Amino acid sequence: MSEHSENKQASIGAIVMLLILSALVVLGIGAMNGGDTASALIPGALLFLFGLFTVFTLGKD
């Protein structure tokens, strides 16, 4: 395996983890707000976008 394919696999794993964490944040905030998941989509999306930024900019070691 080359070094590039290992980084690609790590990026895919990080994106899947970000999706799971964002979904849990949306569900958790939505549950605390009485089932209003529409307003909880904003912090979930911000978490996902910031995570993507972090994975692709800071993760290029």
N, C-alpha and C. Protein backbone atom coordinates (compact mmCIF):
# COMPACT_ATOMS: atom_id res chain seq x y z
N MET A 1 0.83 -1.19 0.00
CA MET A 1 0.00 0.00 0.00
C MET A 1 0.87 1.25 0.00
N SER A 2 0.43 2.21 -0.72
CA SER A 2 1.17 3.46 -0.73
C SER A 2 0.67 4.37 0.38
N GLU A 3 1.45 5.41 0.63
CA GLU A 3 1.09 6.33 1.69
C GLU A 3 -0.18 7.10 1.34
N HIS A 4 -0.39 7.37 0.06
CA HIS A 4 -1.56 8.12 -0.36
C HIS A 4 -2.85 7.35 -0.10
N SER A 5 -2.85 6.05 -0.34
CA SER A 5 -4.07 5.28 -0.13
C SER A 5 -4.40 5.17 1.35
N GLU A 6 -3.38 5.14 2.21
CA GLU A 6 -3.63 5.10 3.65
C GLU A 6 -4.26 6.41 4.11
N ASN A 7 -3.80 7.54 3.59
CA ASN A 7 -4.39 8.82 3.95
C ASN A 7 -5.82 8.92 3.45
N LYS A 8 -6.09 8.36 2.26
CA LYS A 8 -7.44 8.40 1.72
C LYS A 8 -8.39 7.58 2.59
N GLN A 9 -7.94 6.42 3.05
CA GLN A 9 -8.77 5.59 3.90
C GLN A 9 -9.02 6.26 5.24
N ALA A 10 -8.02 6.95 5.77
CA ALA A 10 -8.19 7.67 7.03
C ALA A 10 -9.17 8.82 6.86
N SER A 11 -9.14 9.48 5.70
CA SER A 11 -10.08 10.57 5.45
C SER A 11 -11.51 10.06 5.36
N ILE A 12 -11.69 8.92 4.72
CA ILE A 12 -13.04 8.35 4.61
C ILE A 12 -13.56 7.97 5.99
N GLY A 13 -12.71 7.38 6.82
CA GLY A 13 -13.11 7.03 8.18
C GLY A 13 -13.46 8.26 8.99
N ALA A 14 -12.70 9.33 8.82
CA ALA A 14 -12.97 10.57 9.56
C ALA A 14 -14.29 11.19 9.11
N ILE A 15 -14.60 11.12 7.81
CA ILE A 15 -15.85 11.68 7.31
C ILE A 15 -17.04 10.88 7.83
N VAL A 16 -16.92 9.56 7.87
CA VAL A 16 -18.00 8.73 8.41
C VAL A 16 -18.21 9.04 9.89
N MET A 17 -17.13 9.21 10.63
CA MET A 17 -17.25 9.55 12.04
C MET A 17 -17.90 10.93 12.21
N LEU A 18 -17.55 11.87 11.34
CA LEU A 18 -18.17 13.19 11.40
C LEU A 18 -19.67 13.12 11.14
N LEU A 19 -20.07 12.30 10.16
CA LEU A 19 -21.50 12.14 9.88
C LEU A 19 -22.24 11.57 11.08
N ILE A 20 -21.64 10.57 11.73
CA ILE A 20 -22.29 9.97 12.89
C ILE A 20 -22.39 10.98 14.03
N LEU A 21 -21.30 11.71 14.31
CA LEU A 21 -21.33 12.69 15.39
C LEU A 21 -22.31 13.82 15.10
N SER A 22 -22.37 14.26 13.85
CA SER A 22 -23.30 15.33 13.50
C SER A 22 -24.75 14.87 13.66
N ALA A 23 -25.02 13.63 13.26
CA ALA A 23 -26.38 13.10 13.42
C ALA A 23 -26.75 12.99 14.89
N LEU A 24 -25.81 12.56 15.73
CA LEU A 24 -26.10 12.47 17.16
C LEU A 24 -26.31 13.85 17.78
N VAL A 25 -25.57 14.84 17.32
CA VAL A 25 -25.77 16.21 17.81
C VAL A 25 -27.16 16.71 17.43
N VAL A 26 -27.56 16.46 16.19
CA VAL A 26 -28.89 16.90 15.73
C VAL A 26 -29.98 16.20 16.54
N LEU A 27 -29.84 14.90 16.73
CA LEU A 27 -30.85 14.17 17.50
C LEU A 27 -30.88 14.61 18.96
N GLY A 28 -29.72 14.83 19.55
CA GLY A 28 -29.66 15.25 20.95
C GLY A 28 -30.24 16.63 21.17
N ILE A 29 -29.84 17.58 20.35
CA ILE A 29 -30.38 18.94 20.49
C ILE A 29 -31.87 18.96 20.16
N GLY A 30 -32.25 18.19 19.15
CA GLY A 30 -33.67 18.11 18.82
C GLY A 30 -34.49 17.52 19.95
N ALA A 31 -33.97 16.51 20.63
CA ALA A 31 -34.69 15.92 21.76
C ALA A 31 -34.80 16.90 22.92
N MET A 32 -33.74 17.68 23.14
CA MET A 32 -33.79 18.66 24.24
C MET A 32 -34.75 19.80 23.92
N ASN A 33 -35.00 20.07 22.64
CA ASN A 33 -35.90 21.15 22.25
C ASN A 33 -37.31 20.64 21.98
N GLY A 34 -37.66 19.52 22.53
CA GLY A 34 -39.02 19.02 22.38
C GLY A 34 -39.30 18.44 21.01
N GLY A 35 -38.34 17.86 20.38
CA GLY A 35 -38.55 17.23 19.07
C GLY A 35 -38.36 18.15 17.89
N ASP A 36 -37.88 19.36 18.11
CA ASP A 36 -37.68 20.30 17.01
C ASP A 36 -36.30 20.07 16.40
N THR A 37 -36.23 19.13 15.45
CA THR A 37 -34.94 18.81 14.84
C THR A 37 -34.58 19.77 13.71
N ALA A 38 -35.53 20.54 13.23
CA ALA A 38 -35.22 21.47 12.14
C ALA A 38 -34.25 22.55 12.59
N SER A 39 -34.43 23.07 13.79
CA SER A 39 -33.51 24.09 14.28
C SER A 39 -32.18 23.48 14.71
N ALA A 40 -32.16 22.18 14.98
CA ALA A 40 -30.92 21.52 15.38
C ALA A 40 -30.05 21.18 14.19
N LEU A 41 -30.56 21.33 12.98
CA LEU A 41 -29.75 21.04 11.79
C LEU A 41 -28.61 22.04 11.61
N ILE A 42 -28.79 23.26 12.09
CA ILE A 42 -27.76 24.28 11.93
C ILE A 42 -26.48 23.92 12.70
N PRO A 43 -26.56 23.62 14.02
CA PRO A 43 -25.30 23.23 14.69
C PRO A 43 -24.73 21.91 14.18
N GLY A 44 -25.59 21.00 13.75
CA GLY A 44 -25.08 19.75 13.18
C GLY A 44 -24.33 19.98 11.88
N ALA A 45 -24.86 20.86 11.04
CA ALA A 45 -24.19 21.18 9.78
C ALA A 45 -22.89 21.94 10.01
N LEU A 46 -22.90 22.86 10.99
CA LEU A 46 -21.67 23.60 11.30
C LEU A 46 -20.59 22.66 11.84
N LEU A 47 -20.98 21.71 12.67
CA LEU A 47 -20.02 20.73 13.18
C LEU A 47 -19.43 19.91 12.03
N PHE A 48 -20.28 19.47 11.11
CA PHE A 48 -19.82 18.67 9.99
C PHE A 48 -18.88 19.47 9.08
N LEU A 49 -19.25 20.71 8.78
CA LEU A 49 -18.41 21.53 7.89
C LEU A 49 -17.08 21.88 8.54
N PHE A 50 -17.09 22.21 9.84
CA PHE A 50 -15.84 22.50 10.53
C PHE A 50 -14.97 21.25 10.60
N GLY A 51 -15.59 20.10 10.80
CA GLY A 51 -14.85 18.84 10.82
C GLY A 51 -14.22 18.54 9.47
N LEU A 52 -14.96 18.77 8.39
CA LEU A 52 -14.40 18.56 7.06
C LEU A 52 -13.20 19.48 6.82
N PHE A 53 -13.36 20.73 7.21
CA PHE A 53 -12.26 21.68 7.07
C PHE A 53 -11.04 21.20 7.84
N THR A 54 -11.26 20.72 9.05
CA THR A 54 -10.17 20.25 9.89
C THR A 54 -9.50 19.01 9.30
N VAL A 55 -10.30 18.08 8.80
CA VAL A 55 -9.74 16.84 8.24
C VAL A 55 -8.88 17.14 7.02
N PHE A 56 -9.35 18.00 6.15
CA PHE A 56 -8.63 18.21 4.90
C PHE A 56 -7.53 19.26 4.99
N THR A 57 -7.53 20.13 5.99
CA THR A 57 -6.45 21.11 6.10
C THR A 57 -5.42 20.71 7.15
N LEU A 58 -5.87 20.32 8.33
CA LEU A 58 -4.93 19.99 9.39
C LEU A 58 -4.49 18.54 9.34
N GLY A 59 -5.22 17.70 8.65
CA GLY A 59 -4.90 16.29 8.62
C GLY A 59 -3.91 15.88 7.55
N LYS A 60 -3.24 16.82 6.91
CA LYS A 60 -2.30 16.50 5.84
C LYS A 60 -0.88 16.35 6.35
N ASP A 61 -0.70 15.64 7.43
CA ASP A 61 0.64 15.47 7.99
C ASP A 61 1.48 14.54 7.16
